């Protein structure tokens, strides 16, 4: 069943105030998000090319296509069961696509292990928070920083100079990231004792500790009140301004339309719309998918 955009089911209210950004140039010299999505540009950071994923007789993703470009905030939206998180899982190595290909900086991701994808520069958060509950906030972020360390197991066991240097640098970097997300005062507290919103921000800090080029946020505003969502918007824009490209999956249409540069809409595993927010919010298929109305009526 399709879920409503907002409590009063008013699409225009939920997407009001959407900024319209300049179109991304395409390889043939034209401009516009549609051309960019249909014809992958050599400058694309991530390309999802005709990706299909089947679980037995269930088609979870059906020939999904889109491209993400460096420096943008890209949205992936759709009603419950649309395939958004499944698409995330294919991109990050949890699932292997039945057919199609995903490329990151031109390099195929299919068949790569999750830690290999992380090292290439893709990090993610999770719909359901996955922290190490008995570790402190600082230690959780340091786990992310360890993904880039080069110390061997013997080097760590004997605490050789490189290990001590990487550990010191990792601690300093982790504290800086806790400041970035606004929870540095919680550094010494175990993560299970943190308020829900701080746990969400801690997950983002841990993902950033891996030095990603692409940060994938899976419903980061889930459970947030309006004030927390505003702070999250500021944080997302700040991360993008620091040079990290962002892929955002989110149900809150007001938040999505207020922060993304482009977006793709999925329904039942198929792409039904793509482009800039001002275009997508008026697409009859998108309105019908979210409001549960027949396309003609929408």
Protein backbone atom coordinates (compact mmCIF):
# COMPACT_ATOMS: atom_id res chain seq x y z
CA UNK A 1 0.00 0.00 0.00
CA UNK A 2 1.31 3.42 -0.89
CA UNK A 3 2.15 5.63 2.04
CA UNK A 4 1.10 9.29 2.29
CA UNK A 5 3.56 12.10 1.83
CA UNK A 6 2.39 13.94 4.91
CA UNK A 7 -0.27 13.76 7.56
CA UNK A 8 -2.76 15.68 5.45
CA UNK A 9 -1.76 13.87 2.22
CA UNK A 10 -1.11 17.15 0.42
CA UNK A 11 1.68 16.72 -2.10
CA UNK A 12 2.18 20.44 -2.78
CA UNK A 13 2.49 21.18 0.96
CA UNK A 14 5.01 18.40 1.42
CA UNK A 15 7.22 19.57 -1.43
CA UNK A 16 6.78 23.32 -1.25
CA UNK A 17 9.80 25.57 -1.46
CA UNK A 18 11.85 23.21 -3.60
CA UNK A 19 14.98 24.85 -4.98
CA UNK A 20 15.72 24.39 -8.67
CA UNK A 21 19.38 23.93 -9.54
CA UNK A 22 21.21 24.28 -12.85
CA UNK A 23 21.06 21.17 -15.07
CA UNK A 24 24.06 18.90 -15.32
CA UNK A 25 25.81 18.97 -18.71
CA UNK A 26 25.78 15.76 -20.71
CA UNK A 27 28.38 14.19 -22.94
CA UNK A 28 26.73 15.35 -26.14
CA UNK A 29 26.85 19.00 -25.10
CA UNK A 30 23.15 19.24 -24.23
CA UNK A 31 21.90 19.84 -20.72
CA UNK A 32 19.21 18.47 -18.47
CA UNK A 33 18.84 15.73 -15.90
CA UNK A 34 16.98 13.37 -18.22
CA UNK A 35 19.82 13.24 -20.72
CA UNK A 36 22.33 12.81 -17.92
CA UNK A 37 20.47 9.83 -16.48
CA UNK A 38 19.84 8.07 -19.78
CA UNK A 39 23.32 8.55 -21.21
CA UNK A 40 25.99 8.04 -18.53
CA UNK A 41 28.54 10.85 -18.65
CA UNK A 42 32.27 10.05 -18.49
CA UNK A 43 32.42 12.29 -15.42
CA UNK A 44 29.81 10.30 -13.46
CA UNK A 45 30.95 9.12 -10.04
CA UNK A 46 28.46 6.23 -9.84
CA UNK A 47 26.56 4.59 -12.69
CA UNK A 48 23.71 2.12 -12.18
CA UNK A 49 23.16 0.48 -15.55
CA UNK A 50 20.08 -1.74 -16.15
CA UNK A 51 20.39 -3.35 -12.71
CA UNK A 52 17.94 -6.17 -12.03
CA UNK A 53 17.76 -8.19 -8.82
CA UNK A 54 15.55 -11.26 -8.40
CA UNK A 55 14.81 -13.29 -5.30
CA UNK A 56 13.29 -16.40 -6.84
CA UNK A 57 10.12 -15.21 -8.57
CA UNK A 58 10.23 -11.78 -6.90
CA UNK A 59 11.76 -8.97 -8.95
CA UNK A 60 13.11 -6.53 -6.36
CA UNK A 61 14.81 -4.25 -8.93
CA UNK A 62 13.82 -4.14 -12.57
CA UNK A 63 16.36 -2.59 -14.99
CA UNK A 64 17.09 0.42 -12.80
CA UNK A 65 19.25 3.17 -14.34
CA UNK A 66 20.71 6.36 -12.92
CA UNK A 67 24.00 8.23 -12.60
CA UNK A 68 25.38 10.30 -9.74
CA UNK A 69 27.82 13.12 -10.38
CA UNK A 70 30.60 14.44 -8.13
CA UNK A 71 29.54 17.17 -5.75
CA UNK A 72 25.78 16.65 -5.84
CA UNK A 73 23.16 15.51 -3.36
CA UNK A 74 21.20 12.82 -5.15
CA UNK A 75 17.89 11.50 -3.86
CA UNK A 76 16.50 7.98 -4.17
CA UNK A 77 12.87 7.94 -3.10
CA UNK A 78 9.70 5.88 -3.34
CA UNK A 79 6.88 4.41 -1.26
CA UNK A 80 7.46 1.53 1.15
CA UNK A 81 8.64 -1.56 -0.71
CA UNK A 82 9.83 0.44 -3.72
CA UNK A 83 13.34 -1.08 -3.64
CA UNK A 84 15.34 1.85 -2.26
CA UNK A 85 17.26 0.00 0.44
CA UNK A 86 17.64 -3.00 -1.87
CA UNK A 87 19.33 -0.71 -4.38
CA UNK A 88 21.63 0.51 -1.58
CA UNK A 89 22.47 -3.08 -0.71
CA UNK A 90 23.36 -3.92 -4.31
CA UNK A 91 25.62 -0.88 -4.54
CA UNK A 92 27.45 -1.69 -1.30
CA UNK A 93 28.03 -5.40 -1.93
CA UNK A 94 25.33 -6.89 0.29
CA UNK A 95 23.54 -8.33 -2.76
CA UNK A 96 24.87 -9.25 -6.18
CA UNK A 97 22.65 -8.10 -9.05
CA UNK A 98 21.02 -10.74 -11.23
CA UNK A 99 21.91 -8.67 -14.29
CA UNK A 100 23.18 -5.21 -15.13
CA UNK A 101 26.22 -3.39 -13.83
CA UNK A 102 27.20 -0.78 -11.25
CA UNK A 103 30.34 1.26 -11.87
CA UNK A 104 32.15 3.56 -9.48
CA UNK A 105 34.57 5.96 -11.17
CA UNK A 106 34.29 3.68 -14.20
CA UNK A 107 35.25 0.56 -12.25
CA UNK A 108 32.70 -2.31 -12.00
CA UNK A 109 31.56 -3.06 -8.44
CA UNK A 110 29.86 -6.39 -9.18
CA UNK A 111 31.59 -9.20 -7.32
CA UNK A 112 33.58 -6.94 -5.02
CA UNK A 113 33.45 -7.53 -1.28
CA UNK A 114 32.01 -4.97 1.09
CA UNK A 115 35.38 -3.92 2.51
CA UNK A 116 36.76 -3.51 -1.02
CA UNK A 117 33.87 -1.22 -1.92
CA UNK A 118 34.54 0.80 1.23
CA UNK A 119 38.19 1.21 0.26
CA UNK A 120 37.16 2.42 -3.20
CA UNK A 121 35.32 5.28 -1.51
CA UNK A 122 31.69 4.31 -0.82
CA UNK A 123 30.35 4.50 2.74
CA UNK A 124 26.83 4.05 4.06
CA UNK A 125 24.60 4.32 7.08
CA UNK A 126 21.75 1.94 7.81
CA UNK A 127 17.98 2.20 8.09
CA UNK A 128 18.24 0.40 11.42
CA UNK A 129 21.12 1.80 13.46
CA UNK A 130 24.13 -0.52 13.57
CA UNK A 131 26.61 0.70 16.15
CA UNK A 132 28.85 -1.25 18.50
CA UNK A 133 26.69 -0.77 21.61
CA UNK A 134 29.39 -1.34 24.25
CA UNK A 135 31.97 0.88 22.55
CA UNK A 136 32.17 4.59 23.23
CA UNK A 137 31.14 7.08 20.58
CA UNK A 138 34.82 7.83 19.91
CA UNK A 139 35.69 4.16 19.56
CA UNK A 140 32.82 3.62 17.12
CA UNK A 141 34.18 6.35 14.84
CA UNK A 142 37.71 5.00 15.17
CA UNK A 143 36.46 1.69 13.76
CA UNK A 144 35.59 3.59 10.59
CA UNK A 145 39.00 5.26 10.53
CA UNK A 146 40.66 1.83 10.78
CA UNK A 147 39.36 1.02 7.30
CA UNK A 148 42.10 3.24 5.86
CA UNK A 149 44.94 2.08 8.09
CA UNK A 150 47.83 0.16 6.53
CA UNK A 151 49.29 -1.44 9.67
CA UNK A 152 49.71 -5.22 9.48
CA UNK A 153 48.45 -7.55 12.21
CA UNK A 154 52.00 -8.08 13.60
CA UNK A 155 52.51 -4.31 13.52
CA UNK A 156 49.40 -3.81 15.61
CA UNK A 157 50.31 -6.62 18.03
CA UNK A 158 53.77 -5.21 18.68
CA UNK A 159 52.59 -1.59 18.47
CA UNK A 160 55.19 -0.61 15.91
CA UNK A 161 55.72 3.09 15.08
CA UNK A 162 53.34 3.07 12.07
CA UNK A 163 50.57 1.55 14.19
CA UNK A 164 51.03 4.11 16.96
CA UNK A 165 51.01 6.94 14.42
CA UNK A 166 47.89 5.68 12.67
CA UNK A 167 46.14 5.14 15.99
CA UNK A 168 46.95 8.69 17.10
CA UNK A 169 45.87 10.19 13.79
CA UNK A 170 42.72 8.08 13.80
CA UNK A 171 41.77 9.31 17.27
CA UNK A 172 42.32 12.94 16.29
CA UNK A 173 40.32 12.53 13.10
CA UNK A 174 37.50 10.77 14.95
CA UNK A 175 37.23 13.57 17.51
CA UNK A 176 37.06 16.10 14.69
CA UNK A 177 34.23 14.15 13.05
CA UNK A 178 32.33 14.01 16.33
CA UNK A 179 32.62 17.81 16.41
CA UNK A 180 31.42 17.96 12.81
CA UNK A 181 28.20 16.11 13.64
CA UNK A 182 27.78 17.99 16.92
CA UNK A 183 28.26 15.25 19.52
CA UNK A 184 31.87 15.72 20.64
CA UNK A 185 30.72 16.01 24.27
CA UNK A 186 29.47 12.42 24.02
CA UNK A 187 32.84 11.02 22.94
CA UNK A 188 33.41 8.98 26.11
CA UNK A 189 29.87 7.60 26.44
CA UNK A 190 28.98 4.10 25.27
CA UNK A 191 26.86 4.29 22.14
CA UNK A 192 23.87 2.35 23.56
CA UNK A 193 23.37 5.10 26.16
CA UNK A 194 23.21 7.92 23.61
CA UNK A 195 19.89 9.55 22.65
CA UNK A 196 18.43 8.25 19.41
CA UNK A 197 19.29 11.37 17.40
CA UNK A 198 22.90 11.27 18.59
CA UNK A 199 23.16 7.63 17.56
CA UNK A 200 22.03 8.62 14.07
CA UNK A 201 24.69 11.34 13.92
CA UNK A 202 27.29 8.93 15.29
CA UNK A 203 26.62 6.56 12.39
CA UNK A 204 27.22 9.39 9.94
CA UNK A 205 30.50 10.27 11.69
CA UNK A 206 31.65 6.64 11.52
CA UNK A 207 30.85 6.48 7.81
CA UNK A 208 32.75 9.72 7.18
CA UNK A 209 35.77 8.28 9.00
CA UNK A 210 36.34 5.93 6.04
CA UNK A 211 37.12 8.97 3.83
CA UNK A 212 34.32 8.31 1.34
CA UNK A 213 33.87 9.96 -2.03
CA UNK A 214 30.21 8.88 -1.97
CA UNK A 215 28.23 8.83 1.28
CA UNK A 216 24.98 6.82 1.14
CA UNK A 217 22.47 7.82 3.82
CA UNK A 218 19.60 5.38 4.36
CA UNK A 219 16.70 7.30 5.96
CA UNK A 220 18.90 9.42 8.25
CA UNK A 221 15.93 11.51 9.46
CA UNK A 222 13.84 8.55 10.63
CA UNK A 223 12.44 9.37 14.06
CA UNK A 224 13.67 12.97 14.06
CA UNK A 225 11.54 15.89 15.17
CA UNK A 226 11.35 19.03 12.95
CA UNK A 227 14.23 20.80 14.75
CA UNK A 228 16.47 17.75 14.39
CA UNK A 229 15.60 17.51 10.70
CA UNK A 230 16.66 21.12 10.17
CA UNK A 231 20.01 20.40 11.83
CA UNK A 232 20.35 17.29 9.65
CA UNK A 233 19.78 19.37 6.51
CA UNK A 234 22.54 21.73 7.57
CA UNK A 235 24.85 18.78 8.25
CA UNK A 236 24.14 17.16 4.87
CA UNK A 237 24.85 20.39 3.02
CA UNK A 238 28.05 20.86 5.02
CA UNK A 239 29.24 17.35 4.15
CA UNK A 240 28.58 18.01 0.47
CA UNK A 241 30.40 21.34 0.67
CA UNK A 242 33.41 19.50 2.12
CA UNK A 243 33.71 17.55 -1.14
CA UNK A 244 31.70 14.38 -0.42
CA UNK A 245 28.96 13.40 -2.87
CA UNK A 246 25.77 12.22 -1.18
CA UNK A 247 23.12 9.64 -2.06
CA UNK A 248 20.05 10.14 0.13
CA UNK A 249 17.21 7.70 0.72
CA UNK A 250 14.45 9.35 2.75
CA UNK A 251 10.67 9.23 3.24
CA UNK A 252 10.28 12.84 4.38
CA UNK A 253 9.40 14.59 1.12
CA UNK A 254 9.81 18.07 2.57
CA UNK A 255 13.36 17.23 3.57
CA UNK A 256 14.21 15.53 0.27
CA UNK A 257 12.81 18.26 -1.95
CA UNK A 258 14.57 20.89 0.10
CA UNK A 259 18.08 19.48 -0.15
CA UNK A 260 18.62 17.29 -3.26
CA UNK A 261 19.92 18.48 -6.63
CA UNK A 262 18.40 15.57 -8.56
CA UNK A 263 16.46 12.45 -7.68
CA UNK A 264 15.11 9.14 -8.94
CA UNK A 265 11.74 7.71 -7.91
CA UNK A 266 11.23 3.94 -7.62
CA UNK A 267 7.98 2.01 -7.36
CA UNK A 268 7.87 -1.78 -7.05
CA UNK A 269 11.52 -1.94 -8.10
CA UNK A 270 11.10 0.14 -11.27
CA UNK A 271 12.18 3.69 -11.98
CA UNK A 272 9.10 5.79 -12.66
CA UNK A 273 10.64 9.29 -12.69
CA UNK A 274 13.94 11.15 -12.52
CA UNK A 275 15.22 14.71 -12.74
CA UNK A 276 15.26 17.87 -10.69
CA UNK A 277 12.87 18.28 -7.76
CA UNK A 278 10.62 20.83 -9.47
CA UNK A 279 9.99 18.39 -12.30
CA UNK A 280 9.58 15.23 -10.23
CA UNK A 281 7.12 16.74 -7.74
CA UNK A 282 4.65 17.42 -10.56
CA UNK A 283 4.96 14.03 -12.28
CA UNK A 284 1.53 12.31 -12.23
CA UNK A 285 3.13 8.90 -11.74
CA UNK A 286 4.97 10.08 -8.64
CA UNK A 287 1.87 11.74 -7.21
CA UNK A 288 -0.12 8.56 -7.80
CA UNK A 289 2.58 6.38 -6.20
CA UNK A 290 2.67 8.46 -3.02
CA UNK A 291 -0.98 9.43 -2.67
CA UNK A 292 -2.39 6.11 -3.82
CA UNK A 293 -4.53 7.68 -6.53
CA UNK A 294 -5.08 6.42 -10.09
CA UNK A 295 -2.75 8.09 -12.60
CA UNK A 296 -5.63 9.72 -14.49
CA UNK A 297 -7.05 11.26 -11.32
CA UNK A 298 -3.57 12.45 -10.27
